Amino acid sequence: MPETGEESEMINGDHPPTSDTDTFSPTADTFQNESPVGMTLERIIDLTGEFCHLNELVVSVIDSRGGYTTPGAYLETVQPLLDRLELEIRLRYRSGMNTHEIKQIVSEWIDRECGHPRI
């Protein structure tokens, strides 16, 4: 099938996973078939198994700001955090990365933010 538009930005699915530690898909590494450009941040977090780790950061940031009282206050606190994570992934992602490598990007960023939340 010819690649067009958004599909041309996705990774060619012909490459096998490059790490034995990739356990997120029994048959193939998702990031070998689909790049983060074609995915939502939610999907990336789900595929990398980093939801609980990210949630720890979100709770820490909310607690450090005294909690929140409305959904709007929650979004004002959390959205900039998620935007920065998305930017980090976009900046560090390289074609051909596997799930383990994407997980490493996400995990390292969360660890850095846990030490120095900027919100």
C-alpha atoms as a PDB file:
ATOM      1  CA  MET A   1       0.000   0.000   0.000  1.00  0.00           C
ATOM      2  CA  PRO A   2       1.521   3.398  -0.941  1.00  0.00           C
ATOM      3  CA  GLU A   3       2.262   5.761   1.909  1.00  0.00           C
ATOM      4  CA  THR A   4       0.462   9.099   1.873  1.00  0.00           C
ATOM      5  CA  GLY A   5       0.030  11.977   4.285  1.00  0.00           C
ATOM      6  CA  GLU A   6       0.115  10.896   7.907  1.00  0.00           C
ATOM      7  CA  GLU A   7       0.980   7.316   6.927  1.00  0.00           C
ATOM      8  CA  SER A   8       4.296   8.468   5.448  1.00  0.00           C
ATOM      9  CA  GLU A   9       5.345   9.696   8.890  1.00  0.00           C
ATOM     10  CA  MET A  10       4.759   6.259  10.407  1.00  0.00           C
ATOM     11  CA  ILE A  11       7.470   3.662  10.816  1.00  0.00           C
ATOM     12  CA  ASN A  12       7.753   0.866   8.290  1.00  0.00           C
ATOM     13  CA  GLY A  13       6.448  -2.320   9.916  1.00  0.00           C
ATOM     14  CA  ASP A  14       9.092  -4.516   8.241  1.00  0.00           C
ATOM     15  CA  HIS A  15      11.639  -4.114  11.034  1.00  0.00           C
ATOM     16  CA  PRO A  16      11.676  -6.666  13.864  1.00  0.00           C
ATOM     17  CA  PRO A  17      11.792  -5.444  17.474  1.00  0.00           C
ATOM     18  CA  THR A  18      15.336  -4.569  18.485  1.00  0.00           C
ATOM     19  CA  SER A  19      15.062  -5.505  22.143  1.00  0.00           C
ATOM     20  CA  ASP A  20      14.287  -8.771  23.905  1.00  0.00           C
ATOM     21  CA  THR A  21      12.746  -6.793  26.772  1.00  0.00           C
ATOM     22  CA  ASP A  22       9.782  -5.602  24.698  1.00  0.00           C
ATOM     23  CA  THR A  23       6.831  -7.436  26.225  1.00  0.00           C
ATOM     24  CA  PHE A  24       3.967  -5.138  25.331  1.00  0.00           C
ATOM     25  CA  SER A  25       2.902  -7.031  22.217  1.00  0.00           C
ATOM     26  CA  PRO A  26       3.089 -10.777  21.770  1.00  0.00           C
ATOM     27  CA  THR A  27       3.659 -10.603  18.005  1.00  0.00           C
ATOM     28  CA  ALA A  28       5.260  -7.273  17.152  1.00  0.00           C
ATOM     29  CA  ASP A  29       6.455  -4.039  18.618  1.00  0.00           C
ATOM     30  CA  THR A  30       3.748  -1.409  18.169  1.00  0.00           C
ATOM     31  CA  PHE A  31       6.232   1.378  17.621  1.00  0.00           C
ATOM     32  CA  GLN A  32       7.746  -0.543  14.729  1.00  0.00           C
ATOM     33  CA  ASN A  33       4.353  -0.296  13.049  1.00  0.00           C
ATOM     34  CA  GLU A  34       3.175   3.116  14.163  1.00  0.00           C
ATOM     35  CA  SER A  35       5.132   6.178  15.203  1.00  0.00           C
ATOM     36  CA  PRO A  36       4.218   8.529  18.042  1.00  0.00           C
ATOM     37  CA  VAL A  37       3.341  11.096  15.351  1.00  0.00           C
ATOM     38  CA  GLY A  38       0.252   9.032  14.576  1.00  0.00           C
ATOM     39  CA  MET A  39      -0.625   8.311  18.213  1.00  0.00           C
ATOM     40  CA  THR A  40      -2.180  10.151  21.110  1.00  0.00           C
ATOM     41  CA  LEU A  41      -0.208  10.708  24.288  1.00  0.00           C
ATOM     42  CA  GLU A  42      -2.748   8.513  26.056  1.00  0.00           C
ATOM     43  CA  ARG A  43      -2.012   5.632  23.671  1.00  0.00           C
ATOM     44  CA  ILE A  44       1.758   6.033  24.121  1.00  0.00           C
ATOM     45  CA  ILE A  45       1.403   5.986  27.912  1.00  0.00           C
ATOM     46  CA  ASP A  46      -0.820   2.918  27.687  1.00  0.00           C
ATOM     47  CA  LEU A  47       1.544   1.021  25.368  1.00  0.00           C
ATOM     48  CA  THR A  48       4.620   1.825  27.444  1.00  0.00           C
ATOM     49  CA  GLY A  49       2.980   0.870  30.736  1.00  0.00           C
ATOM     50  CA  GLU A  50       3.891   4.217  32.280  1.00  0.00           C
ATOM     51  CA  PHE A  51       0.400   5.229  33.476  1.00  0.00           C
ATOM     52  CA  CYS A  52       0.998   4.554  37.185  1.00  0.00           C
ATOM     53  CA  HIS A  53       4.396   6.260  37.046  1.00  0.00           C
ATOM     54  CA  LEU A  54       2.871   9.327  35.351  1.00  0.00           C
ATOM     55  CA  ASN A  55      -0.015   9.329  37.831  1.00  0.00           C
ATOM     56  CA  GLU A  56       2.480   9.500  40.724  1.00  0.00           C
ATOM     57  CA  LEU A  57       3.900  12.676  39.181  1.00  0.00           C
ATOM     58  CA  VAL A  58       0.445  14.181  38.605  1.00  0.00           C
ATOM     59  CA  VAL A  59      -0.622  13.476  42.202  1.00  0.00           C
ATOM     60  CA  SER A  60       2.652  14.914  43.509  1.00  0.00           C
ATOM     61  CA  VAL A  61       2.235  18.114  41.502  1.00  0.00           C
ATOM     62  CA  ILE A  62      -1.407  18.515  42.543  1.00  0.00           C
ATOM     63  CA  ASP A  63      -0.490  17.910  46.193  1.00  0.00           C
ATOM     64  CA  SER A  64       2.348  20.442  45.994  1.00  0.00           C
ATOM     65  CA  ARG A  65      -0.164  23.048  44.799  1.00  0.00           C
ATOM     66  CA  GLY A  66      -2.577  22.341  47.638  1.00  0.00           C
ATOM     67  CA  GLY A  67      -4.910  20.099  45.677  1.00  0.00           C
ATOM     68  CA  TYR A  68      -7.627  21.305  43.360  1.00  0.00           C
ATOM     69  CA  THR A  69     -11.233  22.313  43.828  1.00  0.00           C
ATOM     70  CA  THR A  70     -12.650  22.258  40.301  1.00  0.00           C
ATOM     71  CA  PRO A  71     -12.095  20.336  37.092  1.00  0.00           C
ATOM     72  CA  GLY A  72     -10.791  23.577  35.553  1.00  0.00           C
ATOM     73  CA  ALA A  73      -8.175  23.929  38.290  1.00  0.00           C
ATOM     74  CA  TYR A  74      -7.152  20.322  37.725  1.00  0.00           C
ATOM     75  CA  LEU A  75      -6.711  20.896  33.978  1.00  0.00           C
ATOM     76  CA  GLU A  76      -4.750  24.118  34.587  1.00  0.00           C
ATOM     77  CA  THR A  77      -2.345  22.095  36.696  1.00  0.00           C
ATOM     78  CA  VAL A  78      -2.099  18.892  34.673  1.00  0.00           C
ATOM     79  CA  GLN A  79      -2.343  20.060  31.045  1.00  0.00           C
ATOM     80  CA  PRO A  80       1.019  21.914  30.995  1.00  0.00           C
ATOM     81  CA  LEU A  81       2.646  18.798  32.456  1.00  0.00           C
ATOM     82  CA  LEU A  82       1.201  16.578  29.731  1.00  0.00           C
ATOM     83  CA  ASP A  83       2.133  19.127  27.065  1.00  0.00           C
ATOM     84  CA  ARG A  84       5.751  19.034  28.224  1.00  0.00           C
ATOM     85  CA  LEU A  85       5.789  15.233  28.151  1.00  0.00           C
ATOM     86  CA  GLU A  86       4.402  15.233  24.628  1.00  0.00           C
ATOM     87  CA  LEU A  87       7.073  17.730  23.573  1.00  0.00           C
ATOM     88  CA  GLU A  88       9.793  15.556  25.129  1.00  0.00           C
ATOM     89  CA  ILE A  89       8.595  12.544  23.151  1.00  0.00           C
ATOM     90  CA  ARG A  90       8.465  14.538  19.918  1.00  0.00           C
ATOM     91  CA  LEU A  91      11.971  15.906  20.447  1.00  0.00           C
ATOM     92  CA  ARG A  92      13.623  12.625  21.402  1.00  0.00           C
ATOM     93  CA  TYR A  93      11.736  10.168  19.196  1.00  0.00           C
ATOM     94  CA  ARG A  94      13.685   8.763  16.252  1.00  0.00           C
ATOM     95  CA  SER A  95      12.369   6.563  13.460  1.00  0.00           C
ATOM     96  CA  GLY A  96      12.810   2.893  14.254  1.00  0.00           C
ATOM     97  CA  MET A  97      12.614   3.196  18.052  1.00  0.00           C
ATOM     98  CA  ASN A  98      10.952   0.271  19.770  1.00  0.00           C
ATOM     99  CA  THR A  99       8.530   0.266  22.697  1.00  0.00           C
ATOM    100  CA  HIS A 100      11.300  -0.161  25.259  1.00  0.00           C
ATOM    101  CA  GLU A 101      13.113   2.917  23.919  1.00  0.00           C
ATOM    102  CA  ILE A 102       9.936   5.019  23.992  1.00  0.00           C
ATOM    103  CA  LYS A 103       9.237   3.774  27.521  1.00  0.00           C
ATOM    104  CA  GLN A 104      12.726   4.909  28.498  1.00  0.00           C
ATOM    105  CA  ILE A 105      12.061   8.416  27.149  1.00  0.00           C
ATOM    106  CA  VAL A 106       8.791   8.662  29.083  1.00  0.00           C
ATOM    107  CA  SER A 107      10.159   7.148  32.285  1.00  0.00           C
ATOM    108  CA  GLU A 108      13.286   9.326  32.342  1.00  0.00           C
ATOM    109  CA  TRP A 109      11.210  12.462  31.784  1.00  0.00           C
ATOM    110  CA  ILE A 110       8.808  11.550  34.603  1.00  0.00           C
ATOM    111  CA  ASP A 111      11.739  10.848  36.932  1.00  0.00           C
ATOM    112  CA  ARG A 112      13.276  14.238  36.119  1.00  0.00           C
ATOM    113  CA  GLU A 113       9.961  16.000  36.681  1.00  0.00           C
ATOM    114  CA  CYS A 114       9.418  14.190  39.979  1.00  0.00           C
ATOM    115  CA  GLY A 115      12.657  15.683  41.191  1.00  0.00           C
ATOM    116  CA  HIS A 116      11.941  19.166  39.880  1.00  0.00           C
ATOM    117  CA  PRO A 117       8.267  19.763  39.017  1.00  0.00           C
ATOM    118  CA  ARG A 118       7.975  23.161  37.304  1.00  0.00           C
ATOM    119  CA  ILE A 119       4.242  23.716  37.649  1.00  0.00           C
END
